[in-house]
Amino acid sequence: MKKINVIMPKLGMTMKRGEILEWRKKAGDPVRKGEVIAVVQSEKLTGEIKAPEDGCLVEILHDAGAEVPVGEAIAIIETEE
């Protein structure tokens, strides 16, 4: 099994941190590549985080409401590969 970090994306040129608005999946849920798993926002933009691969969302590293630096892992997905 392979573990993939889901990272806080950079939604805008000046974005340094983002807030997790909500998790659409919870730890233990299966996910499909391209499926929305969370919603995040910067000072100006709101965006969806999609699963990068099929697998299982094994761990959520930051709860909704948390502010997380761009590029930091917010969750871990485990794949069959």
PDB file of N, CA and C in Angstrom:
ATOM      1  N   MET A   1       0.837  -1.185   0.000  1.00  0.00           N
ATOM      2  CA  MET A   1       0.000   0.000   0.000  1.00  0.00           C
ATOM      3  C   MET A   1       0.877   1.242   0.000  1.00  0.00           C
ATOM      4  N   LYS A   2       0.376   2.245  -0.702  1.00  0.00           N
ATOM      5  CA  LYS A   2       1.109   3.493  -0.836  1.00  0.00           C
ATOM      6  C   LYS A   2       0.324   4.592  -0.133  1.00  0.00           C
ATOM      7  N   LYS A   3       1.027   5.454   0.589  1.00  0.00           N
ATOM      8  CA  LYS A   3       0.397   6.594   1.263  1.00  0.00           C
ATOM      9  C   LYS A   3       0.703   7.866   0.491  1.00  0.00           C
ATOM     10  N   ILE A   4      -0.345   8.666   0.281  1.00  0.00           N
ATOM     11  CA  ILE A   4      -0.219   9.925  -0.457  1.00  0.00           C
ATOM     12  C   ILE A   4      -0.664  11.062   0.446  1.00  0.00           C
ATOM     13  N   ASN A   5       0.181  12.079   0.562  1.00  0.00           N
ATOM     14  CA  ASN A   5      -0.188  13.276   1.320  1.00  0.00           C
ATOM     15  C   ASN A   5      -1.078  14.166   0.464  1.00  0.00           C
ATOM     16  N   VAL A   6      -2.165  14.623   1.048  1.00  0.00           N
ATOM     17  CA  VAL A   6      -3.020  15.633   0.415  1.00  0.00           C
ATOM     18  C   VAL A   6      -2.562  16.958   0.988  1.00  0.00           C
ATOM     19  N   ILE A   7      -2.147  17.885   0.129  1.00  0.00           N
ATOM     20  CA  ILE A   7      -1.548  19.125   0.617  1.00  0.00           C
ATOM     21  C   ILE A   7      -2.487  20.321   0.449  1.00  0.00           C
ATOM     22  N   MET A   8      -2.237  21.347   1.259  1.00  0.00           N
ATOM     23  CA  MET A   8      -2.968  22.611   1.138  1.00  0.00           C
ATOM     24  C   MET A   8      -2.495  23.269  -0.158  1.00  0.00           C
ATOM     25  N   PRO A   9      -3.430  23.506  -1.091  1.00  0.00           N
ATOM     26  CA  PRO A   9      -3.035  24.109  -2.365  1.00  0.00           C
ATOM     27  C   PRO A   9      -2.835  25.618  -2.248  1.00  0.00           C
ATOM     28  N   LYS A  10      -2.146  26.171  -3.234  1.00  0.00           N
ATOM     29  CA  LYS A  10      -1.973  27.623  -3.332  1.00  0.00           C
ATOM     30  C   LYS A  10      -3.055  28.131  -4.277  1.00  0.00           C
ATOM     31  N   LEU A  11      -4.064  28.805  -3.728  1.00  0.00           N
ATOM     32  CA  LEU A  11      -5.205  29.254  -4.523  1.00  0.00           C
ATOM     33  C   LEU A  11      -4.959  30.588  -5.217  1.00  0.00           C
ATOM     34  N   GLY A  12      -3.989  31.335  -4.739  1.00  0.00           N
ATOM     35  CA  GLY A  12      -3.680  32.636  -5.335  1.00  0.00           C
ATOM     36  C   GLY A  12      -2.195  32.928  -5.224  1.00  0.00           C
ATOM     37  N   MET A  13      -1.735  33.883  -6.018  1.00  0.00           N
ATOM     38  CA  MET A  13      -0.297  34.199  -6.074  1.00  0.00           C
ATOM     39  C   MET A  13       0.290  34.574  -4.716  1.00  0.00           C
ATOM     40  N   THR A  14      -0.477  35.246  -3.879  1.00  0.00           N
ATOM     41  CA  THR A  14       0.059  35.727  -2.607  1.00  0.00           C
ATOM     42  C   THR A  14      -0.352  34.861  -1.416  1.00  0.00           C
ATOM     43  N   MET A  15      -1.080  33.798  -1.680  1.00  0.00           N
ATOM     44  CA  MET A  15      -1.574  32.950  -0.579  1.00  0.00           C
ATOM     45  C   MET A  15      -0.424  32.264   0.147  1.00  0.00           C
ATOM     46  N   LYS A  16      -0.414  32.401   1.464  1.00  0.00           N
ATOM     47  CA  LYS A  16       0.597  31.737   2.291  1.00  0.00           C
ATOM     48  C   LYS A  16      -0.035  30.691   3.210  1.00  0.00           C
ATOM     49  N   ARG A  17      -1.317  30.889   3.556  1.00  0.00           N
ATOM     50  CA  ARG A  17      -2.055  29.980   4.433  1.00  0.00           C
ATOM     51  C   ARG A  17      -3.471  29.845   3.900  1.00  0.00           C
ATOM     52  N   GLY A  18      -4.090  28.731   4.214  1.00  0.00           N
ATOM     53  CA  GLY A  18      -5.490  28.534   3.859  1.00  0.00           C
ATOM     54  C   GLY A  18      -6.257  27.972   5.035  1.00  0.00           C
ATOM     55  N   GLU A  19      -7.549  28.237   5.057  1.00  0.00           N
ATOM     56  CA  GLU A  19      -8.403  27.710   6.118  1.00  0.00           C
ATOM     57  C   GLU A  19      -9.233  26.556   5.564  1.00  0.00           C
ATOM     58  N   ILE A  20      -9.289  25.475   6.314  1.00  0.00           N
ATOM     59  CA  ILE A  20     -10.137  24.352   5.934  1.00  0.00           C
ATOM     60  C   ILE A  20     -11.555  24.700   6.383  1.00  0.00           C
ATOM     61  N   LEU A  21     -12.459  24.868   5.418  1.00  0.00           N
ATOM     62  CA  LEU A  21     -13.843  25.221   5.746  1.00  0.00           C
ATOM     63  C   LEU A  21     -14.645  23.998   6.156  1.00  0.00           C
ATOM     64  N   GLU A  22     -14.475  22.901   5.415  1.00  0.00           N
ATOM     65  CA  GLU A  22     -15.209  21.680   5.746  1.00  0.00           C
ATOM     66  C   GLU A  22     -14.547  20.468   5.109  1.00  0.00           C
ATOM     67  N   TRP A  23     -14.752  19.357   5.756  1.00  0.00           N
ATOM     68  CA  TRP A  23     -14.354  18.054   5.210  1.00  0.00           C
ATOM     69  C   TRP A  23     -15.607  17.398   4.659  1.00  0.00           C
ATOM     70  N   ARG A  24     -15.550  16.952   3.413  1.00  0.00           N
ATOM     71  CA  ARG A  24     -16.686  16.259   2.799  1.00  0.00           C
ATOM     72  C   ARG A  24     -16.600  14.755   3.035  1.00  0.00           C
ATOM     73  N   LYS A  25     -15.429  14.292   3.451  1.00  0.00           N
ATOM     74  CA  LYS A  25     -15.202  12.886   3.787  1.00  0.00           C
ATOM     75  C   LYS A  25     -14.620  12.833   5.191  1.00  0.00           C
ATOM     76  N   LYS A  26     -14.746  11.666   5.815  1.00  0.00           N
ATOM     77  CA  LYS A  26     -14.141  11.494   7.137  1.00  0.00           C
ATOM     78  C   LYS A  26     -13.127  10.357   7.076  1.00  0.00           C
ATOM     79  N   ALA A  27     -12.274  10.279   8.078  1.00  0.00           N
ATOM     80  CA  ALA A  27     -11.260   9.226   8.125  1.00  0.00           C
ATOM     81  C   ALA A  27     -11.934   7.861   8.041  1.00  0.00           C
ATOM     82  N   GLY A  28     -11.377   7.017   7.178  1.00  0.00           N
ATOM     83  CA  GLY A  28     -11.928   5.681   6.975  1.00  0.00           C
ATOM     84  C   GLY A  28     -12.802   5.575   5.737  1.00  0.00           C
ATOM     85  N   ASP A  29     -13.202   6.729   5.173  1.00  0.00           N
ATOM     86  CA  ASP A  29     -14.056   6.712   3.982  1.00  0.00           C
ATOM     87  C   ASP A  29     -13.248   6.377   2.724  1.00  0.00           C
ATOM     88  N   PRO A  30     -13.848   5.608   1.820  1.00  0.00           N
ATOM     89  CA  PRO A  30     -13.213   5.396   0.517  1.00  0.00           C
ATOM     90  C   PRO A  30     -13.330   6.673  -0.310  1.00  0.00           C
ATOM     91  N   VAL A  31     -12.348   6.932  -1.166  1.00  0.00           N
ATOM     92  CA  VAL A  31     -12.371   8.102  -2.052  1.00  0.00           C
ATOM     93  C   VAL A  31     -12.007   7.667  -3.462  1.00  0.00           C
ATOM     94  N   ARG A  32     -12.533   8.396  -4.439  1.00  0.00           N
ATOM     95  CA  ARG A  32     -12.238   8.158  -5.846  1.00  0.00           C
ATOM     96  C   ARG A  32     -11.438   9.338  -6.374  1.00  0.00           C
ATOM     97  N   LYS A  33     -10.518   9.064  -7.284  1.00  0.00           N
ATOM     98  CA  LYS A  33      -9.719  10.130  -7.883  1.00  0.00           C
ATOM     99  C   LYS A  33     -10.641  11.206  -8.453  1.00  0.00           C
ATOM    100  N   GLY A  34     -10.380  12.472  -8.094  1.00  0.00           N
ATOM    101  CA  GLY A  34     -11.166  13.598  -8.571  1.00  0.00           C
ATOM    102  C   GLY A  34     -12.367  13.946  -7.712  1.00  0.00           C
ATOM    103  N   GLU A  35     -12.665  13.117  -6.715  1.00  0.00           N
ATOM    104  CA  GLU A  35     -13.790  13.371  -5.813  1.00  0.00           C
ATOM    105  C   GLU A  35     -13.412  14.466  -4.812  1.00  0.00           C
ATOM    106  N   VAL A  36     -14.321  15.381  -4.560  1.00  0.00           N
ATOM    107  CA  VAL A  36     -14.066  16.471  -3.602  1.00  0.00           C
ATOM    108  C   VAL A  36     -14.051  15.892  -2.186  1.00  0.00           C
ATOM    109  N   ILE A  37     -12.943  16.138  -1.489  1.00  0.00           N
ATOM    110  CA  ILE A  37     -12.835  15.638  -0.117  1.00  0.00           C
ATOM    111  C   ILE A  37     -12.862  16.756   0.921  1.00  0.00           C
ATOM    112  N   ALA A  38     -12.550  18.000   0.481  1.00  0.00           N
ATOM    113  CA  ALA A  38     -12.538  19.130   1.415  1.00  0.00           C
ATOM    114  C   ALA A  38     -12.740  20.437   0.662  1.00  0.00           C
ATOM    115  N   VAL A  39     -13.138  21.473   1.413  1.00  0.00           N
ATOM    116  CA  VAL A  39     -13.281  22.822   0.869  1.00  0.00           C
ATOM    117  C   VAL A  39     -12.377  23.729   1.700  1.00  0.00           C
ATOM    118  N   VAL A  40     -11.571  24.541   1.005  1.00  0.00           N
ATOM    119  CA  VAL A  40     -10.631  25.448   1.679  1.00  0.00           C
ATOM    120  C   VAL A  40     -10.807  26.857   1.133  1.00  0.00           C
ATOM    121  N   GLN A  41     -10.290  27.831   1.890  1.00  0.00           N
ATOM    122  CA  GLN A  41     -10.350  29.208   1.396  1.00  0.00           C
ATOM    123  C   GLN A  41      -9.096  29.970   1.771  1.00  0.00           C
ATOM    124  N   SER A  42      -8.789  30.959   0.921  1.00  0.00           N
ATOM    125  CA  SER A  42      -7.731  31.923   1.213  1.00  0.00           C
ATOM    126  C   SER A  42      -8.440  33.226   1.569  1.00  0.00           C
ATOM    127  N   GLU A  43      -7.713  34.320   1.599  1.00  0.00           N
ATOM    128  CA  GLU A  43      -8.334  35.612   1.903  1.00  0.00           C
ATOM    129  C   GLU A  43      -9.347  36.003   0.830  1.00  0.00           C
ATOM    130  N   LYS A  44      -9.115  35.558  -0.419  1.00  0.00           N
ATOM    131  CA  LYS A  44      -9.949  36.012  -1.532  1.00  0.00           C
ATOM    132  C   LYS A  44     -10.703  34.890  -2.254  1.00  0.00           C
ATOM    133  N   LEU A  45     -10.219  33.671  -2.179  1.00  0.00           N
ATOM    134  CA  LEU A  45     -10.776  32.589  -2.980  1.00  0.00           C
ATOM    135  C   LEU A  45     -11.190  31.390  -2.139  1.00  0.00           C
ATOM    136  N   THR A  46     -12.162  30.654  -2.656  1.00  0.00           N
ATOM    137  CA  THR A  46     -12.565  29.388  -2.064  1.00  0.00           C
ATOM    138  C   THR A  46     -12.341  28.311  -3.107  1.00  0.00           C
ATOM    139  N   GLY A  47     -11.807  27.158  -2.681  1.00  0.00           N
ATOM    140  CA  GLY A  47     -11.533  26.083  -3.626  1.00  0.00           C
ATOM    141  C   GLY A  47     -11.809  24.719  -3.024  1.00  0.00           C
ATOM    142  N   GLU A  48     -11.938  23.744  -3.912  1.00  0.00           N
ATOM    143  CA  GLU A  48     -12.172  22.366  -3.491  1.00  0.00           C
ATOM    144  C   GLU A  48     -10.880  21.580  -3.598  1.00  0.00           C
ATOM    145  N   ILE A  49     -10.672  20.695  -2.657  1.00  0.00           N
ATOM    146  CA  ILE A  49      -9.538  19.774  -2.728  1.00  0.00           C
ATOM    147  C   ILE A  49     -10.101  18.435  -3.166  1.00  0.00           C
ATOM    148  N   LYS A  50      -9.504  17.899  -4.230  1.00  0.00           N
ATOM    149  CA  LYS A  50      -9.963  16.627  -4.785  1.00  0.00           C
ATOM    150  C   LYS A  50      -8.960  15.525  -4.484  1.00  0.00           C
ATOM    151  N   ALA A  51      -9.461  14.321  -4.350  1.00  0.00           N
ATOM    152  CA  ALA A  51      -8.593  13.172  -4.098  1.00  0.00           C
ATOM    153  C   ALA A  51      -7.668  12.965  -5.300  1.00  0.00           C
ATOM    154  N   PRO A  52      -6.363  12.835  -5.064  1.00  0.00           N
ATOM    155  CA  PRO A  52      -5.417  12.647  -6.169  1.00  0.00           C
ATOM    156  C   PRO A  52      -5.420  11.221  -6.733  1.00  0.00           C
ATOM    157  N   GLU A  53      -5.921  10.266  -5.965  1.00  0.00           N
ATOM    158  CA  GLU A  53      -5.945   8.850  -6.365  1.00  0.00           C
ATOM    159  C   GLU A  53      -7.136   8.164  -5.720  1.00  0.00           C
ATOM    160  N   ASP A  54      -7.504   6.996  -6.237  1.00  0.00           N
ATOM    161  CA  ASP A  54      -8.487   6.139  -5.572  1.00  0.00           C
ATOM    162  C   ASP A  54      -7.839   5.559  -4.324  1.00  0.00           C
ATOM    163  N   GLY A  55      -8.605   5.403  -3.272  1.00  0.00           N
ATOM    164  CA  GLY A  55      -8.061   4.795  -2.061  1.00  0.00           C
ATOM    165  C   GLY A  55      -8.966   5.029  -0.870  1.00  0.00           C
ATOM    166  N   CYS A  56      -8.338   5.126   0.290  1.00  0.00           N
ATOM    167  CA  CYS A  56      -9.055   5.333   1.538  1.00  0.00           C
ATOM    168  C   CYS A  56      -8.435   6.544   2.249  1.00  0.00           C
ATOM    169  N   LEU A  57      -9.284   7.445   2.702  1.00  0.00           N
ATOM    170  CA  LEU A  57      -8.819   8.587   3.487  1.00  0.00           C
ATOM    171  C   LEU A  57      -8.523   8.064   4.889  1.00  0.00           C
ATOM    172  N   VAL A  58      -7.270   7.768   5.149  1.00  0.00           N
ATOM    173  CA  VAL A  58      -6.918   7.099   6.410  1.00  0.00           C
ATOM    174  C   VAL A  58      -6.716   8.052   7.579  1.00  0.00           C
ATOM    175  N   GLU A  59      -6.350   9.310   7.275  1.00  0.00           N
ATOM    176  CA  GLU A  59      -6.102  10.243   8.383  1.00  0.00           C
ATOM    177  C   GLU A  59      -6.346  11.676   7.941  1.00  0.00           C
ATOM    178  N   ILE A  60      -7.040  12.428   8.780  1.00  0.00           N
ATOM    179  CA  ILE A  60      -7.212  13.869   8.605  1.00  0.00           C
ATOM    180  C   ILE A  60      -6.282  14.529   9.612  1.00  0.00           C
ATOM    181  N   LEU A  61      -5.355  15.334   9.111  1.00  0.00           N
ATOM    182  CA  LEU A  61      -4.314  15.914   9.963  1.00  0.00           C
ATOM    183  C   LEU A  61      -4.709  17.254  10.589  1.00  0.00           C
ATOM    184  N   HIS A  62      -5.695  17.943   9.984  1.00  0.00           N
ATOM    185  CA  HIS A  62      -6.154  19.247  10.490  1.00  0.00           C
ATOM    186  C   HIS A  62      -7.670  19.287  10.420  1.00  0.00           C
ATOM    187  N   ASP A  63      -8.304  19.715  11.482  1.00  0.00           N
ATOM    188  CA  ASP A  63      -9.763  19.804  11.537  1.00  0.00           C
ATOM    189  C   ASP A  63     -10.275  21.011  10.760  1.00  0.00           C
ATOM    190  N   ALA A  64     -11.575  21.005  10.478  1.00  0.00           N
ATOM    191  CA  ALA A  64     -12.226  22.170   9.875  1.00  0.00           C
ATOM    192  C   ALA A  64     -12.011  23.368  10.796  1.00  0.00           C
ATOM    193  N   GLY A  65     -11.735  24.514  10.187  1.00  0.00           N
ATOM    194  CA  GLY A  65     -11.454  25.730  10.944  1.00  0.00           C
ATOM    195  C   GLY A  65      -9.970  26.008  11.109  1.00  0.00           C
ATOM    196  N   ALA A  66      -9.146  25.004  10.862  1.00  0.00           N
ATOM    197  CA  ALA A  66      -7.697  25.172  11.012  1.00  0.00           C
ATOM    198  C   ALA A  66      -7.123  25.983   9.854  1.00  0.00           C
ATOM    199  N   GLU A  67      -6.150  26.821  10.161  1.00  0.00           N
ATOM    200  CA  GLU A  67      -5.379  27.526   9.137  1.00  0.00           C
ATOM    201  C   GLU A  67      -4.077  26.770   8.949  1.00  0.00           C
ATOM    202  N   VAL A  68      -3.771  26.452   7.689  1.00  0.00           N
ATOM    203  CA  VAL A  68      -2.640  25.587   7.371  1.00  0.00           C
ATOM    204  C   VAL A  68      -1.772  26.261   6.306  1.00  0.00           C
ATOM    205  N   PRO A  69      -0.446  26.237   6.464  1.00  0.00           N
ATOM    206  CA  PRO A  69       0.431  26.810   5.444  1.00  0.00           C
ATOM    207  C   PRO A  69       0.297  26.071   4.107  1.00  0.00           C
ATOM    208  N   VAL A  70       0.429  26.818   3.013  1.00  0.00           N
ATOM    209  CA  VAL A  70       0.426  26.235   1.677  1.00  0.00           C
ATOM    210  C   VAL A  70       1.526  25.173   1.588  1.00  0.00           C
ATOM    211  N   GLY A  71       1.210  24.031   1.011  1.00  0.00           N
ATOM    212  CA  GLY A  71       2.187  22.966   0.821  1.00  0.00           C
ATOM    213  C   GLY A  71       2.263  21.964   1.957  1.00  0.00           C
ATOM    214  N   GLU A  72       1.600  22.265   3.083  1.00  0.00           N
ATOM    215  CA  GLU A  72       1.620  21.331   4.218  1.00  0.00           C
ATOM    216  C   GLU A  72       0.538  20.269   4.032  1.00  0.00           C
ATOM    217  N   ALA A  73       0.821  19.049   4.472  1.00  0.00           N
ATOM    218  CA  ALA A  73      -0.137  17.954   4.383  1.00  0.00           C
ATOM    219  C   ALA A  73      -1.326  18.227   5.298  1.00  0.00           C
ATOM    220  N   ILE A  74      -2.538  17.983   4.762  1.00  0.00           N
ATOM    221  CA  ILE A  74      -3.744  18.134   5.574  1.00  0.00           C
ATOM    222  C   ILE A  74      -4.443  16.795   5.792  1.00  0.00           C
ATOM    223  N   ALA A  75      -4.085  15.797   4.986  1.00  0.00           N
ATOM    224  CA  ALA A  75      -4.695  14.481   5.101  1.00  0.00           C
ATOM    225  C   ALA A  75      -3.794  13.448   4.432  1.00  0.00           C
ATOM    226  N   ILE A  76      -4.101  12.167   4.691  1.00  0.00           N
ATOM    227  CA  ILE A  76      -3.348  11.070   4.069  1.00  0.00           C
ATOM    228  C   ILE A  76      -4.344  10.089   3.450  1.00  0.00           C
ATOM    229  N   ILE A  77      -4.073   9.759   2.183  1.00  0.00           N
ATOM    230  CA  ILE A  77      -4.853   8.756   1.465  1.00  0.00           C
ATOM    231  C   ILE A  77      -3.967   7.545   1.236  1.00  0.00           C
ATOM    232  N   GLU A  78      -4.514   6.368   1.502  1.00  0.00           N
ATOM    233  CA  GLU A  78      -3.779   5.115   1.270  1.00  0.00           C
ATOM    234  C   GLU A  78      -4.374   4.451   0.041  1.00  0.00           C
ATOM    235  N   THR A  79      -3.516   4.067  -0.895  1.00  0.00           N
ATOM    236  CA  THR A  79      -3.963   3.429  -2.127  1.00  0.00           C
ATOM    237  C   THR A  79      -3.614   1.949  -2.119  1.00  0.00           C
ATOM    238  N   GLU A  80      -4.190   1.212  -3.041  1.00  0.00           N
ATOM    239  CA  GLU A  80      -3.939  -0.229  -3.149  1.00  0.00           C
ATOM    240  C   GLU A  80      -2.576  -0.534  -3.760  1.00  0.00           C
ATOM    241  N   GLU A  81      -2.003   0.398  -4.500  1.00  0.00           N
ATOM    242  CA  GLU A  81      -0.748   0.154  -5.227  1.00  0.00           C
ATOM    243  C   GLU A  81       0.434  -0.018  -4.308  1.00  0.00           C
TER     244      GLU A  81
END
